[in-house]
C-alpha atoms as a PDB file:
ATOM      1  CA  SER A   1     -49.883 -54.070   0.041  1.00  0.00           C
ATOM      2  CA  THR A   2     -47.315 -51.878   1.808  1.00  0.00           C
ATOM      3  CA  SER A   3     -45.752 -52.517   5.210  1.00  0.00           C
ATOM      4  CA  GLY A   4     -46.195 -48.921   6.256  1.00  0.00           C
ATOM      5  CA  SER A   5     -44.071 -45.791   6.206  1.00  0.00           C
ATOM      6  CA  PRO A   6     -40.520 -46.756   7.217  1.00  0.00           C
ATOM      7  CA  GLN A   7     -38.170 -44.665   9.277  1.00  0.00           C
ATOM      8  CA  CYS A   8     -35.480 -43.143   7.058  1.00  0.00           C
ATOM      9  CA  ARG A   9     -31.849 -43.824   7.778  1.00  0.00           C
ATOM     10  CA  GLU A  10     -29.480 -40.837   7.665  1.00  0.00           C
ATOM     11  CA  GLN A  11     -26.606 -41.074   5.218  1.00  0.00           C
ATOM     12  CA  ALA A  12     -24.067 -38.372   4.343  1.00  0.00           C
ATOM     13  CA  VAL A  13     -21.828 -38.353   1.313  1.00  0.00           C
ATOM     14  CA  PRO A  14     -19.125 -35.901   0.158  1.00  0.00           C
ATOM     15  CA  ALA A  15     -19.691 -33.928  -3.012  1.00  0.00           C
ATOM     16  CA  ASN A  16     -18.199 -35.486  -6.171  1.00  0.00           C
ATOM     17  CA  GLY A  17     -18.158 -38.838  -4.390  1.00  0.00           C
ATOM     18  CA  THR A  18     -20.208 -42.026  -4.916  1.00  0.00           C
ATOM     19  CA  LEU A  19     -23.452 -42.631  -3.073  1.00  0.00           C
ATOM     20  CA  ARG A  20     -23.943 -46.269  -1.942  1.00  0.00           C
ATOM     21  CA  LEU A  21     -27.399 -47.146  -0.590  1.00  0.00           C
ATOM     22  CA  LEU A  22     -27.224 -50.597   1.013  1.00  0.00           C
ATOM     23  CA  PRO A  23     -30.377 -52.021   2.664  1.00  0.00           C
ATOM     24  CA  GLU A  24     -29.667 -53.480   6.118  1.00  0.00           C
ATOM     25  CA  ASN A  25     -32.376 -56.177   6.128  1.00  0.00           C
ATOM     26  CA  PRO A  26     -33.532 -56.674   2.550  1.00  0.00           C
ATOM     27  CA  PRO A  27     -36.410 -59.143   2.014  1.00  0.00           C
ATOM     28  CA  GLN A  28     -35.204 -62.530   0.758  1.00  0.00           C
ATOM     29  CA  GLY A  29     -38.234 -63.449  -1.350  1.00  0.00           C
ATOM     30  CA  TRP A  30     -38.399 -60.317  -3.451  1.00  0.00           C
ATOM     31  CA  ALA A  31     -39.263 -60.494  -7.126  1.00  0.00           C
ATOM     32  CA  LYS A  32     -39.037 -56.844  -8.199  1.00  0.00           C
ATOM     33  CA  VAL A  33     -37.584 -53.619  -6.771  1.00  0.00           C
ATOM     34  CA  GLU A  34     -38.126 -49.983  -7.712  1.00  0.00           C
ATOM     35  CA  TRP A  35     -35.891 -47.098  -6.567  1.00  0.00           C
ATOM     36  CA  ARG A  36     -37.382 -43.588  -6.322  1.00  0.00           C
ATOM     37  CA  VAL A  37     -36.253 -40.224  -4.900  1.00  0.00           C
ATOM     38  CA  VAL A  38     -37.859 -37.049  -3.666  1.00  0.00           C
ATOM     39  CA  LEU A  39     -35.190 -34.335  -3.918  1.00  0.00           C
ATOM     40  CA  ASP A  40     -34.946 -31.448  -1.482  1.00  0.00           C
ATOM     41  CA  ALA A  41     -35.730 -29.155  -4.395  1.00  0.00           C
ATOM     42  CA  GLY A  42     -39.186 -30.809  -4.601  1.00  0.00           C
ATOM     43  CA  HIS A  43     -38.748 -32.911  -7.759  1.00  0.00           C
ATOM     44  CA  GLN A  44     -39.650 -36.654  -7.785  1.00  0.00           C
ATOM     45  CA  TRP A  45     -37.865 -39.150 -10.018  1.00  0.00           C
ATOM     46  CA  ARG A  46     -37.940 -42.873 -10.662  1.00  0.00           C
ATOM     47  CA  ILE A  47     -34.317 -43.951 -10.745  1.00  0.00           C
ATOM     48  CA  LEU A  48     -34.652 -47.550 -12.016  1.00  0.00           C
ATOM     49  CA  THR A  49     -36.651 -50.786 -11.864  1.00  0.00           C
ATOM     50  CA  ALA A  50     -35.065 -54.213 -11.555  1.00  0.00           C
ATOM     51  CA  GLU A  51     -36.420 -57.786 -11.549  1.00  0.00           C
ATOM     52  CA  LYS A  52     -34.632 -60.660  -9.863  1.00  0.00           C
ATOM     53  CA  ASN A  53     -31.887 -62.162 -12.060  1.00  0.00           C
ATOM     54  CA  LYS A  54     -32.602 -59.664 -14.831  1.00  0.00           C
ATOM     55  CA  VAL A  55     -30.927 -56.504 -16.066  1.00  0.00           C
ATOM     56  CA  ALA A  56     -32.271 -53.314 -14.491  1.00  0.00           C
ATOM     57  CA  SER A  57     -34.092 -50.799 -16.670  1.00  0.00           C
ATOM     58  CA  PRO A  58     -33.030 -47.253 -15.783  1.00  0.00           C
ATOM     59  CA  SER A  59     -35.329 -44.328 -16.433  1.00  0.00           C
ATOM     60  CA  ARG A  60     -34.567 -41.053 -18.137  1.00  0.00           C
ATOM     61  CA  GLY A  61     -33.734 -38.180 -15.889  1.00  0.00           C
ATOM     62  CA  PRO A  62     -30.873 -36.679 -13.883  1.00  0.00           C
ATOM     63  CA  PHE A  63     -29.704 -40.162 -12.754  1.00  0.00           C
ATOM     64  CA  SER A  64     -29.492 -41.743 -16.199  1.00  0.00           C
ATOM     65  CA  GLY A  65     -26.020 -43.183 -16.709  1.00  0.00           C
ATOM     66  CA  ARG A  66     -25.060 -42.635 -13.082  1.00  0.00           C
ATOM     67  CA  ALA A  67     -27.204 -45.201 -11.251  1.00  0.00           C
ATOM     68  CA  VAL A  68     -26.277 -48.920 -11.032  1.00  0.00           C
ATOM     69  CA  PHE A  69     -28.197 -51.689  -9.189  1.00  0.00           C
ATOM     70  CA  GLN A  70     -26.184 -54.494  -7.555  1.00  0.00           C
ATOM     71  CA  GLN A  71     -28.151 -57.812  -7.662  1.00  0.00           C
ATOM     72  CA  LYS A  72     -26.029 -59.539  -5.000  1.00  0.00           C
ATOM     73  CA  THR A  73     -26.221 -56.862  -2.338  1.00  0.00           C
ATOM     74  CA  LEU A  74     -29.479 -55.244  -3.518  1.00  0.00           C
ATOM     75  CA  SER A  75     -27.703 -51.870  -3.235  1.00  0.00           C
ATOM     76  CA  LEU A  76     -27.931 -48.784  -5.411  1.00  0.00           C
ATOM     77  CA  TRP A  77     -24.792 -46.913  -6.477  1.00  0.00           C
ATOM     78  CA  ILE A  78     -24.940 -43.363  -7.836  1.00  0.00           C
ATOM     79  CA  GLY A  79     -21.722 -41.779  -9.052  1.00  0.00           C
ATOM     80  CA  VAL A  80     -20.478 -38.160  -8.953  1.00  0.00           C
ATOM     81  CA  VAL A  81     -23.162 -36.785  -6.682  1.00  0.00           C
ATOM     82  CA  GLY A  82     -23.669 -33.098  -5.968  1.00  0.00           C
ATOM     83  CA  THR A  83     -25.535 -31.063  -3.414  1.00  0.00           C
ATOM     84  CA  ALA A  84     -28.568 -31.095  -5.740  1.00  0.00           C
ATOM     85  CA  ASP A  85     -28.822 -34.875  -5.187  1.00  0.00           C
ATOM     86  CA  SER A  86     -29.761 -34.455  -1.531  1.00  0.00           C
ATOM     87  CA  GLY A  87     -33.190 -35.884  -0.706  1.00  0.00           C
ATOM     88  CA  VAL A  88     -35.155 -38.941   0.418  1.00  0.00           C
ATOM     89  CA  TYR A  89     -34.460 -42.171  -1.467  1.00  0.00           C
ATOM     90  CA  ARG A  90     -36.879 -45.154  -1.281  1.00  0.00           C
ATOM     91  CA  ALA A  91     -36.548 -48.781  -2.333  1.00  0.00           C
ATOM     92  CA  ASP A  92     -39.839 -50.711  -2.742  1.00  0.00           C
ATOM     93  CA  PHE A  93     -39.291 -54.505  -2.757  1.00  0.00           C
ATOM     94  CA  GLU A  94     -42.231 -56.597  -3.994  1.00  0.00           C
ATOM     95  CA  ASP A  95     -42.428 -60.348  -3.434  1.00  0.00           C
ATOM     96  CA  THR A  96     -44.274 -62.943  -5.485  1.00  0.00           C
ATOM     97  CA  SER A  97     -47.454 -62.519  -3.471  1.00  0.00           C
ATOM     98  CA  GLY A  98     -47.552 -58.739  -4.137  1.00  0.00           C
ATOM     99  CA  VAL A  99     -46.391 -57.644  -0.680  1.00  0.00           C
ATOM    100  CA  VAL A 100     -44.219 -54.501  -0.833  1.00  0.00           C
ATOM    101  CA  THR A 101     -41.470 -53.789   1.666  1.00  0.00           C
ATOM    102  CA  SER A 102     -40.127 -50.215   1.654  1.00  0.00           C
ATOM    103  CA  LEU A 103     -36.731 -49.007   2.808  1.00  0.00           C
ATOM    104  CA  CYS A 104     -35.887 -45.279   3.178  1.00  0.00           C
ATOM    105  CA  PHE A 105     -32.643 -43.278   3.179  1.00  0.00           C
ATOM    106  CA  ARG A 106     -32.258 -39.598   4.083  1.00  0.00           C
ATOM    107  CA  VAL A 107     -29.287 -38.542   1.939  1.00  0.00           C
ATOM    108  CA  SER A 108     -27.327 -35.291   2.424  1.00  0.00           C
ATOM    109  CA  VAL A 109     -24.470 -34.271   0.153  1.00  0.00           C
ATOM    110  CA  TRP A 110     -21.758 -32.066   1.743  1.00  0.00           C
ATOM    111  CA  GLU A 111     -18.915 -30.006   0.423  1.00  0.00           C
ATOM    112  CA  PRO A 112     -15.540 -30.856   2.072  1.00  0.00           C
ATOM    113  CA  VAL A 113     -14.413 -28.525   4.859  1.00  0.00           C
ATOM    114  CA  HIS A 114     -11.514 -26.288   3.833  1.00  0.00           C
ATOM    115  CA  PRO A 115      -8.601 -25.753   6.271  1.00  0.00           C
ATOM    116  CA  PRO A 116      -9.702 -23.212   8.896  1.00  0.00           C
ATOM    117  CA  ARG A 117      -7.831 -20.023   9.776  1.00  0.00           C
ATOM    118  CA  LEU A 118      -7.294 -19.006  13.397  1.00  0.00           C
ATOM    119  CA  GLU A 119      -6.817 -15.300  14.236  1.00  0.00           C
ATOM    120  CA  ALA A 120      -6.037 -13.793  17.652  1.00  0.00           C
ATOM    121  CA  ARG A 121      -7.482 -10.359  18.447  1.00  0.00           C
ATOM    122  CA  ILE A 122      -6.442  -8.433  21.557  1.00  0.00           C
ATOM    123  CA  LEU A 123      -9.529  -6.901  23.207  1.00  0.00           C
ATOM    124  CA  HIS A 124      -7.827  -5.229  26.179  1.00  0.00           C
ATOM    125  CA  GLN A 125      -4.318  -5.265  27.578  1.00  0.00           C
ATOM    126  CA  GLU A 126      -2.795  -4.006  30.792  1.00  0.00           C
ATOM    127  CA  GLN A 127       0.427  -4.676  32.600  1.00  0.00           C
ATOM    128  CA  GLY A 128       0.548  -8.354  33.448  1.00  0.00           C
ATOM    129  CA  TRP A 129      -2.528  -9.661  31.592  1.00  0.00           C
ATOM    130  CA  CYS A 130      -4.646  -9.334  28.467  1.00  0.00           C
ATOM    131  CA  ASN A 131      -8.084 -10.234  27.173  1.00  0.00           C
ATOM    132  CA  LEU A 132      -8.135 -11.741  23.719  1.00  0.00           C
ATOM    133  CA  SER A 133     -10.561 -13.330  21.318  1.00  0.00           C
ATOM    134  CA  LEU A 134      -9.729 -16.224  19.005  1.00  0.00           C
ATOM    135  CA  LEU A 135     -11.662 -16.189  15.740  1.00  0.00           C
ATOM    136  CA  CYS A 136     -11.896 -19.359  13.627  1.00  0.00           C
ATOM    137  CA  THR A 137     -12.962 -18.838  10.005  1.00  0.00           C
ATOM    138  CA  VAL A 138     -13.449 -21.312   7.148  1.00  0.00           C
ATOM    139  CA  PRO A 139     -13.570 -20.207   3.491  1.00  0.00           C
ATOM    140  CA  GLY A 140     -16.891 -21.127   1.891  1.00  0.00           C
ATOM    141  CA  ALA A 141     -18.179 -22.795   5.037  1.00  0.00           C
ATOM    142  CA  GLY A 142     -21.746 -24.049   4.993  1.00  0.00           C
ATOM    143  CA  ASN A 143     -23.421 -25.776   7.927  1.00  0.00           C
ATOM    144  CA  VAL A 144     -20.393 -26.656  10.045  1.00  0.00           C
ATOM    145  CA  SER A 145     -19.793 -27.309  13.738  1.00  0.00           C
ATOM    146  CA  TYR A 146     -17.080 -25.691  15.926  1.00  0.00           C
ATOM    147  CA  ARG A 147     -15.249 -27.218  18.869  1.00  0.00           C
ATOM    148  CA  TRP A 148     -12.438 -25.674  20.939  1.00  0.00           C
ATOM    149  CA  PHE A 149      -9.648 -27.404  22.825  1.00  0.00           C
ATOM    150  CA  CYS A 150      -7.212 -25.487  25.080  1.00  0.00           C
ATOM    151  CA  THR A 151      -4.481 -26.630  27.440  1.00  0.00           C
ATOM    152  CA  GLY A 152      -5.841 -27.120  30.948  1.00  0.00           C
ATOM    153  CA  GLU A 153      -9.500 -26.929  29.917  1.00  0.00           C
ATOM    154  CA  ALA A 154     -11.895 -29.843  30.140  1.00  0.00           C
ATOM    155  CA  PRO A 155     -13.121 -31.123  26.733  1.00  0.00           C
ATOM    156  CA  GLY A 156     -16.540 -29.746  25.886  1.00  0.00           C
ATOM    157  CA  ALA A 157     -16.324 -26.957  28.472  1.00  0.00           C
ATOM    158  CA  LEU A 158     -15.579 -24.288  25.885  1.00  0.00           C
ATOM    159  CA  GLU A 159     -17.962 -22.482  23.551  1.00  0.00           C
ATOM    160  CA  HIS A 160     -19.256 -24.167  20.395  1.00  0.00           C
ATOM    161  CA  GLN A 161     -18.963 -20.952  18.409  1.00  0.00           C
ATOM    162  CA  PRO A 162     -16.517 -19.649  15.799  1.00  0.00           C
ATOM    163  CA  TRP A 163     -14.930 -17.447  18.500  1.00  0.00           C
ATOM    164  CA  LEU A 164     -13.419 -18.007  21.932  1.00  0.00           C
ATOM    165  CA  HIS A 165     -12.774 -15.362  24.641  1.00  0.00           C
ATOM    166  CA  LEU A 166      -9.810 -15.887  26.971  1.00  0.00           C
ATOM    167  CA  GLN A 167      -7.957 -14.004  29.731  1.00  0.00           C
ATOM    168  CA  VAL A 168      -4.246 -14.710  29.704  1.00  0.00           C
ATOM    169  CA  TYR A 169      -1.648 -13.553  32.238  1.00  0.00           C
ATOM    170  CA  GLY A 170       1.759 -12.376  31.088  1.00  0.00           C
ATOM    171  CA  ASP A 171       3.733 -15.015  33.004  1.00  0.00           C
ATOM    172  CA  ALA A 172       1.453 -17.871  31.919  1.00  0.00           C
ATOM    173  CA  GLU A 173       2.853 -21.052  30.465  1.00  0.00           C
ATOM    174  CA  PRO A 174       2.308 -21.741  26.751  1.00  0.00           C
ATOM    175  CA  ASN A 175      -1.417 -22.148  26.235  1.00  0.00           C
ATOM    176  CA  ALA A 176      -2.182 -24.002  23.016  1.00  0.00           C
ATOM    177  CA  CYS A 177      -5.738 -23.624  21.711  1.00  0.00           C
ATOM    178  CA  SER A 178      -7.164 -25.547  18.763  1.00  0.00           C
ATOM    179  CA  CYS A 179     -10.251 -24.918  16.692  1.00  0.00           C
ATOM    180  CA  ASN A 180     -11.939 -27.948  15.103  1.00  0.00           C
ATOM    181  CA  VAL A 181     -14.384 -27.369  12.255  1.00  0.00           C
ATOM    182  CA  SER A 182     -16.393 -30.314  10.929  1.00  0.00           C
ATOM    183  CA  ASN A 183     -19.423 -31.434   8.986  1.00  0.00           C
ATOM    184  CA  PRO A 184     -20.751 -34.986   8.560  1.00  0.00           C
ATOM    185  CA  VAL A 185     -18.186 -35.880   5.878  1.00  0.00           C
ATOM    186  CA  SER A 186     -14.955 -33.952   6.684  1.00  0.00           C
ATOM    187  CA  TRP A 187     -13.188 -31.825   9.249  1.00  0.00           C
ATOM    188  CA  GLY A 188     -10.277 -29.384   9.666  1.00  0.00           C
ATOM    189  CA  THR A 189      -8.304 -27.922  12.568  1.00  0.00           C
ATOM    190  CA  ALA A 190      -6.040 -24.946  13.374  1.00  0.00           C
ATOM    191  CA  SER A 191      -3.992 -24.142  16.492  1.00  0.00           C
ATOM    192  CA  THR A 192      -2.266 -21.175  18.120  1.00  0.00           C
ATOM    193  CA  ASP A 193      -0.544 -20.221  21.389  1.00  0.00           C
ATOM    194  CA  ALA A 194      -2.733 -17.679  23.214  1.00  0.00           C
ATOM    195  CA  ALA A 195       0.043 -16.670  25.652  1.00  0.00           C
ATOM    196  CA  ALA A 196       2.458 -16.020  22.793  1.00  0.00           C
ATOM    197  CA  ALA A 197      -0.185 -13.910  21.024  1.00  0.00           C
ATOM    198  CA  CYS A 198      -0.451 -11.672  24.121  1.00  0.00           C
ATOM    199  CA  ARG A 199       3.334 -11.309  24.346  1.00  0.00           C
ATOM    200  CA  ARG A 200       3.569 -10.365  20.668  1.00  0.00           C
ATOM    201  CA  ALA A 201       0.857  -7.759  21.139  1.00  0.00           C
ATOM    202  CA  ALA A 202       2.712  -6.289  24.156  1.00  0.00           C
ATOM    203  CA  SER A 203       5.972  -6.011  22.224  1.00  0.00           C
ATOM    204  CA  GLY A 204       4.095  -4.447  19.317  1.00  0.00           C
ATOM    205  CA  LEU A 205       2.635  -1.790  21.615  1.00  0.00           C
ATOM    206  CA  LEU A 206       6.105  -1.024  22.945  1.00  0.00           C
ATOM    207  CA  VAL A 207       7.447  -0.562  19.412  1.00  0.00           C
ATOM    208  CA  VAL A 208       4.540   1.738  18.566  1.00  0.00           C
ATOM    209  CA  ALA A 209       5.144   3.813  21.730  1.00  0.00           C
ATOM    210  CA  VAL A 210       8.855   4.170  20.956  1.00  0.00           C
ATOM    211  CA  SER A 211       8.111   5.126  17.359  1.00  0.00           C
ATOM    212  CA  LEU A 212       5.594   7.768  18.424  1.00  0.00           C
ATOM    213  CA  GLY A 213       8.076   9.203  20.950  1.00  0.00           C
ATOM    214  CA  LEU A 214      10.807   9.367  18.330  1.00  0.00           C
ATOM    215  CA  ALA A 215       8.456  11.016  15.851  1.00  0.00           C
ATOM    216  CA  LEU A 216       7.492  13.597  18.499  1.00  0.00           C
ATOM    217  CA  VAL A 217      11.151  14.420  19.240  1.00  0.00           C
ATOM    218  CA  ILE A 218      11.925  14.810  15.540  1.00  0.00           C
ATOM    219  CA  SER A 219       8.877  17.055  15.045  1.00  0.00           C
ATOM    220  CA  VAL A 220       9.903  19.311  17.938  1.00  0.00           C
ATOM    221  CA  ALA A 221      13.487  19.515  16.632  1.00  0.00           C
ATOM    222  CA  VAL A 222      12.302  20.436  13.142  1.00  0.00           C
ATOM    223  CA  GLY A 223       9.970  23.069  14.585  1.00  0.00           C
ATOM    224  CA  VAL A 224      12.764  24.658  16.624  1.00  0.00           C
ATOM    225  CA  ILE A 225      15.094  24.717  13.614  1.00  0.00           C
ATOM    226  CA  CYS A 226      12.429  26.331  11.433  1.00  0.00           C
ATOM    227  CA  TYR A 227      11.683  28.941  14.146  1.00  0.00           C
ATOM    228  CA  CYS A 228      15.347  29.853  14.526  1.00  0.00           C
ATOM    229  CA  TRP A 229      15.784  30.071  10.767  1.00  0.00           C
ATOM    230  CA  ARG A 230      12.811  32.389  10.357  1.00  0.00           C
ATOM    231  CA  LYS A 231      13.912  34.544  13.288  1.00  0.00           C
ATOM    232  CA  ARG A 232      17.390  34.849  11.808  1.00  0.00           C
ATOM    233  CA  GLY A 233      15.855  35.928   8.499  1.00  0.00           C
ATOM    234  CA  LYS A 234      13.904  38.703  10.289  1.00  0.00           C
ATOM    235  CA  ASP A 235      17.027  39.927  12.120  1.00  0.00           C
ATOM    236  CA  LEU A 236      18.858  40.331   8.789  1.00  0.00           C
ATOM    237  CA  PRO A 237      16.510  42.523   6.695  1.00  0.00           C
ATOM    238  CA  GLY A 238      18.698  42.386   3.616  1.00  0.00           C
ATOM    239  CA  GLY A 239      19.008  38.629   3.737  1.00  0.00           C
ATOM    240  CA  HIS A 240      22.652  38.880   2.625  1.00  0.00           C
ATOM    241  CA  ILE A 241      24.992  41.877   2.463  1.00  0.00           C
ATOM    242  CA  GLU A 242      26.345  42.859  -0.910  1.00  0.00           C
ATOM    243  CA  LEU A 243      29.677  44.671  -0.762  1.00  0.00           C
ATOM    244  CA  PRO A 244      30.408  47.646  -3.083  1.00  0.00           C
ATOM    245  CA  LEU A 245      31.942  46.592  -6.357  1.00  0.00           C
ATOM    246  CA  THR A 246      34.932  48.594  -7.694  1.00  0.00           C
ATOM    247  CA  ILE A 247      35.857  48.225 -11.333  1.00  0.00           C
ATOM    248  CA  TYR A 248      38.860  49.860 -12.909  1.00  0.00           C
ATOM    249  CA  GLU A 249      40.440  49.512 -16.320  1.00  0.00           C
ATOM    250  CA  GLU A 250      43.248  51.196 -18.273  1.00  0.00           C
ATOM    251  CA  VAL A 251      41.791  51.998 -21.660  1.00  0.00           C
ATOM    252  CA  HIS A 252      44.803  53.342 -23.625  1.00  0.00           C
ATOM    253  CA  LYS A 253      48.411  52.409 -23.555  1.00  0.00           C
ATOM    254  CA  ALA A 254      51.203  54.995 -23.708  1.00  0.00           C
ATOM    255  CA  GLN A 255      52.156  55.800 -27.275  1.00  0.00           C
ATOM    256  CA  THR A 256      54.403  58.266 -29.158  1.00  0.00           C
ATOM    257  CA  ILE A 257      52.861  60.472 -31.854  1.00  0.00           C
ATOM    258  CA  GLN A 258      54.833  62.391 -34.521  1.00  0.00           C
ATOM    259  CA  ASP A 259      53.463  65.223 -36.573  1.00  0.00           C
ATOM    260  CA  PRO A 260      53.380  64.892 -40.324  1.00  0.00           C
ATOM    261  CA  ASN A 261      56.478  67.025 -40.740  1.00  0.00           C
ATOM    262  CA  GLY A 262      58.461  64.777 -38.413  1.00  0.00           C
ATOM    263  CA  THR A 263      59.637  67.788 -36.423  1.00  0.00           C
ATOM    264  CA  SER A 264      57.766  67.067 -33.165  1.00  0.00           C
ATOM    265  CA  GLU A 265      56.662  64.112 -31.137  1.00  0.00           C
ATOM    266  CA  ALA A 266      54.173  63.637 -28.290  1.00  0.00           C
ATOM    267  CA  THR A 267      53.892  60.932 -25.697  1.00  0.00           C
ATOM    268  CA  THR A 268      50.304  60.197 -24.601  1.00  0.00           C
ATOM    269  CA  GLY A 269      49.785  58.369 -21.337  1.00  0.00           C
ATOM    270  CA  GLY A 270      47.078  55.742 -20.596  1.00  0.00           C
ATOM    271  CA  ASN A 271      43.625  56.563 -19.236  1.00  0.00           C
ATOM    272  CA  THR A 272      42.426  54.724 -16.081  1.00  0.00           C
ATOM    273  CA  ILE A 273      38.645  54.464 -15.448  1.00  0.00           C
ATOM    274  CA  TYR A 274      37.341  53.695 -11.941  1.00  0.00           C
ATOM    275  CA  ALA A 275      33.744  52.588 -11.409  1.00  0.00           C
ATOM    276  CA  VAL A 276      32.228  51.980  -7.925  1.00  0.00           C
ATOM    277  CA  ILE A 277      28.814  50.262  -7.811  1.00  0.00           C
ATOM    278  CA  CYS A 278      26.973  50.306  -4.493  1.00  0.00           C
ATOM    279  CA  PRO A 279      23.814  48.098  -4.584  1.00  0.00           C
ATOM    280  CA  LYS A 280      20.835  49.214  -2.578  1.00  0.00           C
ATOM    281  CA  THR A 281      19.057  46.284  -0.880  1.00  0.00           C
ATOM    282  CA  GLN A 282      15.932  46.014   1.217  1.00  0.00           C
ATOM    283  CA  GLY A 283      14.561  43.407   3.574  1.00  0.00           C
ATOM    284  CA  PRO A 284      12.251  40.656   2.423  1.00  0.00           C
ATOM    285  CA  SER A 285       9.254  42.261   4.124  1.00  0.00           C
ATOM    286  CA  HIS A 286       9.569  45.544   2.139  1.00  0.00           C
ATOM    287  CA  ARG A 287       8.436  46.147  -1.353  1.00  0.00           C
ATOM    288  CA  GLN A 288      11.228  46.028  -3.871  1.00  0.00           C
ATOM    289  CA  GLU A 289      11.911  49.572  -5.173  1.00  0.00           C
ATOM    290  CA  PRO A 290      13.871  50.435  -8.304  1.00  0.00           C
ATOM    291  CA  GLU A 291      17.534  50.563  -7.369  1.00  0.00           C
ATOM    292  CA  SER A 292      19.872  53.420  -8.274  1.00  0.00           C
ATOM    293  CA  ARG A 293      23.591  53.148  -8.753  1.00  0.00           C
ATOM    294  CA  THR A 294      26.124  55.990  -8.965  1.00  0.00           C
ATOM    295  CA  ILE A 295      29.147  55.431 -11.152  1.00  0.00           C
ATOM    296  CA  TYR A 296      32.182  57.632 -10.669  1.00  0.00           C
ATOM    297  CA  THR A 297      34.605  57.720 -13.554  1.00  0.00           C
ATOM    298  CA  THR A 298      37.970  59.420 -13.362  1.00  0.00           C
ATOM    299  CA  VAL A 299      39.944  60.064 -16.504  1.00  0.00           C
ATOM    300  CA  GLN A 300      43.471  61.250 -15.917  1.00  0.00           C
ATOM    301  CA  PRO A 301      45.497  61.490 -19.133  1.00  0.00           C
ATOM    302  CA  THR A 302      49.208  62.033 -18.927  1.00  0.00           C
ATOM    303  CA  ARG A 303      50.677  63.684 -21.976  1.00  0.00           C
ATOM    304  CA  LYS A 304      54.142  65.079 -22.732  1.00  0.00           C
ATOM    305  CA  VAL A 305      54.282  67.344 -25.825  1.00  0.00           C
ATOM    306  CA  ARG A 306      57.330  68.939 -27.419  1.00  0.00           C
ATOM    307  CA  LEU A 307      56.486  71.634 -29.964  1.00  0.00           C
ATOM    308  CA  PRO A 308      58.896  73.225 -32.462  1.00  0.00           C
ATOM    309  CA  CYS A 309      59.836  76.856 -32.435  1.00  0.00           C
ATOM    310  CA  ARG A 310      58.148  78.725 -35.287  1.00  0.00           C
ATOM    311  CA  ASP A 311      57.194  82.232 -36.234  1.00  0.00           C
ATOM    312  CA  PRO A 312      53.897  83.546 -35.077  1.00  0.00           C
ATOM    313  CA  GLY A 313      51.245  83.665 -37.658  1.00  0.00           C
ATOM    314  CA  PRO A 314      49.263  86.716 -38.653  1.00  0.00           C
ATOM    315  CA  SER A 315      46.540  86.026 -36.185  1.00  0.00           C
ATOM    316  CA  GLU A 316      48.990  85.693 -33.363  1.00  0.00           C
ATOM    317  CA  ALA A 317      50.883  88.817 -34.328  1.00  0.00           C
ATOM    318  CA  ALA A 318      47.700  90.781 -34.099  1.00  0.00           C
ATOM    319  CA  GLN A 319      47.385  90.144 -30.389  1.00  0.00           C
ATOM    320  CA  GLU A 320      48.243  92.951 -28.114  1.00  0.00           C
ATOM    321  CA  PRO A 321      51.646  92.908 -26.609  1.00  0.00           C
ATOM    322  CA  GLY A 322      51.858  91.936 -22.991  1.00  0.00           C
ATOM    323  CA  SER A 323      48.538  90.040 -22.939  1.00  0.00           C
ATOM    324  CA  PRO A 324      48.873  86.527 -21.399  1.00  0.00           C
ATOM    325  CA  ARG A 325      48.414  83.645 -23.759  1.00  0.00           C
ATOM    326  CA  LYS A 326      45.598  81.274 -22.775  1.00  0.00           C
ATOM    327  CA  ARG A 327      46.676  77.680 -22.907  1.00  0.00           C
ATOM    328  CA  LEU A 328      44.576  74.553 -22.227  1.00  0.00           C
ATOM    329  CA  ASP A 329      46.357  72.277 -19.824  1.00  0.00           C
ATOM    330  CA  ARG A 330      46.081  68.816 -21.317  1.00  0.00           C
ATOM    331  CA  ALA A 331      46.957  67.139 -18.045  1.00  0.00           C
ATOM    332  CA  LEU A 332      43.582  67.887 -16.483  1.00  0.00           C
ATOM    333  CA  VAL A 333      41.822  65.385 -14.249  1.00  0.00           C
ATOM    334  CA  SER A 334      38.239  64.758 -15.419  1.00  0.00           C
ATOM    335  CA  THR A 335      35.591  63.225 -13.158  1.00  0.00           C
ATOM    336  CA  ALA A 336      32.250  62.055 -14.590  1.00  0.00           C
ATOM    337  CA  TYR A 337      29.134  61.201 -12.504  1.00  0.00           C
ATOM    338  CA  ALA A 338      26.417  59.009 -13.917  1.00  0.00           C
ATOM    339  CA  GLU A 339      23.198  58.069 -12.022  1.00  0.00           C
ATOM    340  CA  VAL A 340      21.773  54.799 -13.292  1.00  0.00           C
END
């Protein structure tokens, strides 16, 4: 016979730890015990069966090699448990008369809580005060509980949420706030100074304002410089003024020439060439036209010639007497114009 459905006792265990199920009031006259489990996933397993003063006989299944029964304490130990081992565990003790006494354990396996992270977010800020929100986050958090503790606040008066809204004045004393995150097997905490967070935000806004003002001044200065530069370019259509270029060169040196008979000699002076190039430029807004250049070249030879006295030839004797002889003056100045 069975003594009825017992009330299960809650028991939490950390993941990768050892589960120890110890009956509080085990029956003294028991002869045999059987441990069973109904997992949260819905599967049912017999863990082991043990008789008094005999070795327990474990069953095959997920608990084989992990479950050990302690005869002295009548407890069950299961090593290296995981979240899949959560469920309802039962121990049925049977005495020599066949009466069965059942004990029940509600087992939950929890992952340890990782260290939380506390972040301050400024919601609104004016001169002298600010509204901020504190956000407490936990990596990989499952079913955890949140509790807040702040200087000057009564314990339990704050929200049991992952966030906390506060109004802090600029001249307030340091206001330390802590976030406590916990589950049945572990806990973690993080703290910050809410007043200091508001002051840092105020200084940050000042830096941003100064930076924006400086950027605006620089932008205006650059715009003025660009405007003046463009206006100056329009006032000077040619961009830059090219001066006329004068080139001159002496192409022959003075030399003395003798005729083949050695009876006369001539001195020939050097020739000097002058070239003046005047570029024709236009403004940047006009279409570039083909440019023309005028080159003036002056050739001025200087020659001294001494000729010997000789008899006139037949052709010269045939000229009429008294007619003027036409001579070509070799000391002429020649000017050449070339349009390029």
